[in-house]
Structure formats: structure tokens, C-alpha cells
Amino acid sequence: MHELQSRFRVIQGFPRSFKKGDGVSIILTSSSKLSDTERQLSSTLYEHGVDDKGFAIVRSRGDNALFGDFSTKQMKERLGIKGSRALADFLPTVTLKAKEFAAAITDFNVRKLNIKGVQPIGDEHVRNNKDVRAVLAKSNIMPEDLPAEEDIQKLERRVTSQDKKLLKTEGGLKRLDVADAS
């Protein structure tokens, strides 16, 4: 995830080819925010007695709750995601935001209530994911039924490529001064 975030920060520095608010910008931003929130949650969990293996268990249980009892592996199969690729790299924006919201609530409550250990924190994360799922369901959004989005890594490469092309084009254009325009 660190690599993804580093690449995204580079992309953020070149907002030429995609305007703020377009679908690509929104999904890249959502992916980055999820990554940041999960990194914060990981740090909080470590402070509360959960190691890397425990964090993976907590995340997996949360996914299971958000995706209506489908495991991460089952969701990857449903969406046609190959082996080691991350599920989040193919999720639609609404699902990325749902995962981020549930993770942020878990982080907040673990700190506020001083919850410790894999099982109690996992229970908290499941509860938060179920609550977020219920909110989505009120709008007839079932995360497990949503189609996969374009691979985030492909989107990043396309943005980077288009930005490089724009920079080349911009670099080759003669700059007009205000005096030249009159």
C-alpha cells in the first residue's frame, strides 16, 4: 500500500489531465484515503496489542461483514480479481468510502474505549462494518453486488502517461505574455 500511496502523491502533483471532481480523481482520492485510514488503524491496533497477523484477521472479518458474509477471497473470485491483487484496487468509490468510514469508526472507538486484543477489536470492526452496510442497504446498495471498477494501477498509469504528454505539450508551447495578447 505504501507504494500505491507514493505513486498517488506523484499523481496528485499533476492534476492537469483530470479535473478535480471527475470519476478518476475521485476514485484515486478515495483509494488513497482508505490506505491512509487503514495505516492509522494498523498503528492504533499495534498500540492495543494487535500484531500484523491480527490486523489481517480484523480487516478480513470487517470485509466479511461489509460484503454480506462473503470473504475477501470470495469477493475477489466474484469480481474476477487474480490471486495476489488487492480487492480494494477494483472496488467502486462507494465501497472504498464505506471501508474507510468503518475503519475510521473502529480506530476512533478503539482509542476512545481503550479496546485491546484481536477478538474485541475484531468484534468492534465487524459491528462498524455491519452498521455501514445497513446505511448502504437503506439506499439499495449492496457492496457484494456492485461490479468491479477499472484496476486502480491501470488508472494511475493512464493518469501519469496523460500528464507526461500534457507536460511535453505545455513545454513546447510558446508562452504568451499579457502584452502579446493585446
Protein backbone atom coordinates (compact mmCIF):
# COMPACT_ATOMS: atom_id res chain seq x y z
CA MET A 1 0.00 0.00 0.00
CA HIS A 2 2.88 2.36 0.70
CA GLU A 3 3.92 2.09 -2.96
CA LEU A 4 0.36 2.91 -4.05
CA GLN A 5 0.29 5.95 -1.84
CA SER A 6 3.67 7.15 -3.08
CA ARG A 7 2.51 6.82 -6.67
CA PHE A 8 -0.72 8.64 -5.83
CA ARG A 9 1.17 11.56 -4.29
CA VAL A 10 3.08 11.90 -7.57
CA ILE A 11 -0.19 11.84 -9.47
CA GLN A 12 -1.64 14.50 -7.16
CA GLY A 13 1.19 16.77 -8.23
CA PHE A 14 -0.01 16.60 -11.85
CA PRO A 15 -3.73 17.39 -11.82
CA ARG A 16 -3.66 18.55 -15.44
CA SER A 17 -5.29 15.74 -17.37
CA PHE A 18 -8.13 15.09 -14.92
CA LYS A 19 -10.12 17.82 -13.30
CA LYS A 20 -10.96 17.70 -9.63
CA GLY A 21 -14.33 16.03 -9.17
CA ASP A 22 -14.14 13.71 -12.17
CA GLY A 23 -14.56 9.97 -11.64
CA VAL A 24 -10.87 9.10 -11.95
CA SER A 25 -9.77 11.77 -9.50
CA ILE A 26 -12.47 10.71 -7.03
CA ILE A 27 -11.57 7.02 -7.11
CA LEU A 28 -7.84 7.74 -6.81
CA THR A 29 -8.50 10.06 -3.87
CA SER A 30 -10.83 7.52 -2.23
CA SER A 31 -8.23 4.78 -2.61
CA SER A 32 -5.56 6.98 -1.06
CA LYS A 33 -7.80 7.95 1.85
CA LEU A 34 -8.64 4.29 2.53
CA SER A 35 -4.93 3.49 2.53
CA ASP A 36 -4.23 6.34 4.99
CA THR A 37 -7.08 5.31 7.29
CA GLU A 38 -6.05 1.65 7.27
CA ARG A 39 -2.47 2.65 8.05
CA GLN A 40 -3.73 4.71 11.00
CA LEU A 41 -5.92 1.81 12.16
CA SER A 42 -2.96 -0.56 11.90
CA SER A 43 -0.90 1.76 14.09
CA THR A 44 -3.72 2.05 16.64
CA LEU A 45 -4.21 -1.70 16.72
CA TYR A 46 -0.50 -2.25 17.24
CA GLU A 47 -0.68 0.10 20.24
CA HIS A 48 -3.59 -2.01 21.54
CA GLY A 49 -1.90 -5.39 21.36
CA VAL A 50 -2.59 -6.48 17.79
CA ASP A 51 0.25 -7.61 15.51
CA ASP A 52 0.28 -7.77 11.68
CA LYS A 53 -1.41 -11.17 11.62
CA GLY A 54 -4.10 -9.90 14.00
CA PHE A 55 -4.64 -6.81 11.84
CA ALA A 56 -5.18 -9.06 8.81
CA ILE A 57 -7.76 -11.03 10.80
CA VAL A 58 -9.57 -7.85 11.90
CA ARG A 59 -9.63 -6.50 8.32
CA SER A 60 -10.83 -9.82 6.94
CA ARG A 61 -13.66 -10.01 9.47
CA GLY A 62 -14.64 -6.44 8.59
CA ASP A 63 -14.73 -7.25 4.88
CA ASN A 64 -16.86 -10.29 5.62
CA ALA A 65 -19.38 -8.10 7.47
CA LEU A 66 -19.41 -5.37 4.81
CA PHE A 67 -19.79 -7.82 1.93
CA GLY A 68 -22.72 -9.77 3.38
CA ASP A 69 -20.78 -12.80 4.65
CA PHE A 70 -18.58 -13.06 1.56
CA SER A 71 -14.91 -13.38 2.44
CA THR A 72 -12.25 -11.27 0.77
CA LYS A 73 -11.26 -14.33 -1.28
CA GLN A 74 -14.86 -14.93 -2.36
CA MET A 75 -15.27 -11.27 -3.34
CA LYS A 76 -12.10 -11.43 -5.42
CA GLU A 77 -13.49 -14.51 -7.18
CA ARG A 78 -16.88 -12.78 -7.74
CA LEU A 79 -15.13 -9.78 -9.27
CA GLY A 80 -12.61 -11.82 -11.27
CA ILE A 81 -9.58 -10.43 -9.45
CA LYS A 82 -6.45 -12.50 -9.90
CA GLY A 83 -4.58 -14.06 -6.95
CA SER A 84 -2.41 -11.61 -5.09
CA ARG A 85 -4.03 -8.38 -6.30
CA ALA A 86 -5.72 -6.29 -3.62
CA LEU A 87 -9.51 -6.29 -3.57
CA ALA A 88 -9.53 -2.53 -2.89
CA ASP A 89 -7.77 -1.90 -6.22
CA PHE A 90 -11.00 -2.89 -8.01
CA LEU A 91 -13.73 -1.57 -5.72
CA PRO A 92 -16.10 1.22 -6.72
CA THR A 93 -15.80 4.56 -4.94
CA VAL A 94 -18.85 3.99 -2.71
CA THR A 95 -17.33 0.75 -1.39
CA LEU A 96 -13.92 2.34 -0.84
CA LYS A 97 -15.58 5.10 1.16
CA ALA A 98 -17.65 2.56 3.12
CA LYS A 99 -14.49 0.62 4.06
CA GLU A 100 -12.73 3.83 5.02
CA PHE A 101 -15.65 5.02 7.15
CA ALA A 102 -15.90 1.72 9.03
CA ALA A 103 -12.12 1.69 9.60
CA ALA A 104 -12.21 5.28 10.88
CA ILE A 105 -15.02 4.44 13.32
CA THR A 106 -13.11 1.39 14.53
CA ASP A 107 -9.95 3.46 15.02
CA PHE A 108 -11.90 6.09 16.95
CA ASN A 109 -13.67 3.59 19.19
CA VAL A 110 -10.56 1.51 19.89
CA ARG A 111 -8.84 4.67 21.11
CA LYS A 112 -11.85 6.11 22.96
CA LEU A 113 -12.86 2.87 24.67
CA ASN A 114 -9.28 1.54 25.01
CA ILE A 115 -10.23 -1.77 23.40
CA LYS A 116 -7.41 -4.32 23.40
CA GLY A 117 -6.81 -7.60 21.63
CA VAL A 118 -7.71 -9.18 18.30
CA GLN A 119 -11.09 -10.61 19.29
CA PRO A 120 -12.63 -7.50 20.93
CA ILE A 121 -11.25 -5.18 18.26
CA GLY A 122 -12.43 -7.58 15.55
CA ASP A 123 -15.90 -7.56 17.11
CA GLU A 124 -15.86 -3.75 17.06
CA HIS A 125 -14.78 -3.68 13.42
CA VAL A 126 -17.47 -6.19 12.44
CA ARG A 127 -20.12 -4.09 14.22
CA ASN A 128 -18.97 -0.94 12.42
CA ASN A 129 -18.92 -2.65 9.02
CA LYS A 130 -22.41 -4.05 9.61
CA ASP A 131 -23.63 -0.56 10.54
CA VAL A 132 -22.11 0.94 7.40
CA ARG A 133 -23.60 -1.91 5.35
CA ALA A 134 -27.03 -1.13 6.85
CA VAL A 135 -26.72 2.50 5.76
CA LEU A 136 -25.82 1.39 2.23
CA ALA A 137 -28.69 -1.10 2.20
CA LYS A 138 -31.16 1.71 3.00
CA SER A 139 -30.19 3.14 -0.39
CA ASN A 140 -30.39 -0.29 -2.04
CA ILE A 141 -26.61 -0.54 -2.32
CA MET A 142 -25.24 -3.99 -1.61
CA PRO A 143 -21.43 -3.89 -1.85
CA GLU A 144 -21.15 -7.54 -2.90
CA ASP A 145 -23.43 -6.91 -5.89
CA LEU A 146 -21.52 -3.94 -7.31
CA PRO A 147 -19.34 -4.56 -10.37
CA ALA A 148 -15.58 -4.19 -10.27
CA GLU A 149 -14.10 -0.90 -11.34
CA GLU A 150 -11.09 -0.46 -13.58
CA ASP A 151 -7.86 -1.55 -11.91
CA ILE A 152 -6.52 1.38 -9.86
CA GLN A 153 -2.97 0.63 -11.05
CA LYS A 154 -4.09 0.98 -14.67
CA LEU A 155 -5.82 4.25 -13.82
CA GLU A 156 -2.65 5.55 -12.19
CA ARG A 157 -0.55 4.59 -15.20
CA ARG A 158 -3.01 6.28 -17.55
CA VAL A 159 -3.06 9.48 -15.46
CA THR A 160 0.74 9.53 -15.29
CA SER A 161 1.02 8.93 -19.05
CA GLN A 162 -1.50 11.64 -19.90
CA ASP A 163 0.17 14.08 -17.55
CA LYS A 164 3.56 13.42 -19.15
CA LYS A 165 2.05 14.04 -22.59
CA LEU A 166 0.47 17.27 -21.36
CA LEU A 167 3.73 18.42 -19.80
CA LYS A 168 5.52 17.78 -23.10
CA THR A 169 2.84 19.69 -24.98
CA GLU A 170 2.83 22.54 -22.49
CA GLY A 171 6.62 22.70 -22.56
CA GLY A 172 6.60 23.04 -26.33
CA LEU A 173 4.02 25.83 -26.47
CA LYS A 174 5.12 29.44 -26.67
CA ARG A 175 4.10 31.29 -23.58
CA LEU A 176 2.03 34.40 -24.24
CA ASP A 177 2.57 37.46 -22.14
CA VAL A 178 -0.33 39.78 -21.36
CA ALA A 179 1.28 42.42 -23.60
CA ASP A 180 1.31 39.95 -26.54
CA ALA A 181 -2.40 39.28 -26.13
CA SER A 182 -3.46 42.90 -26.72
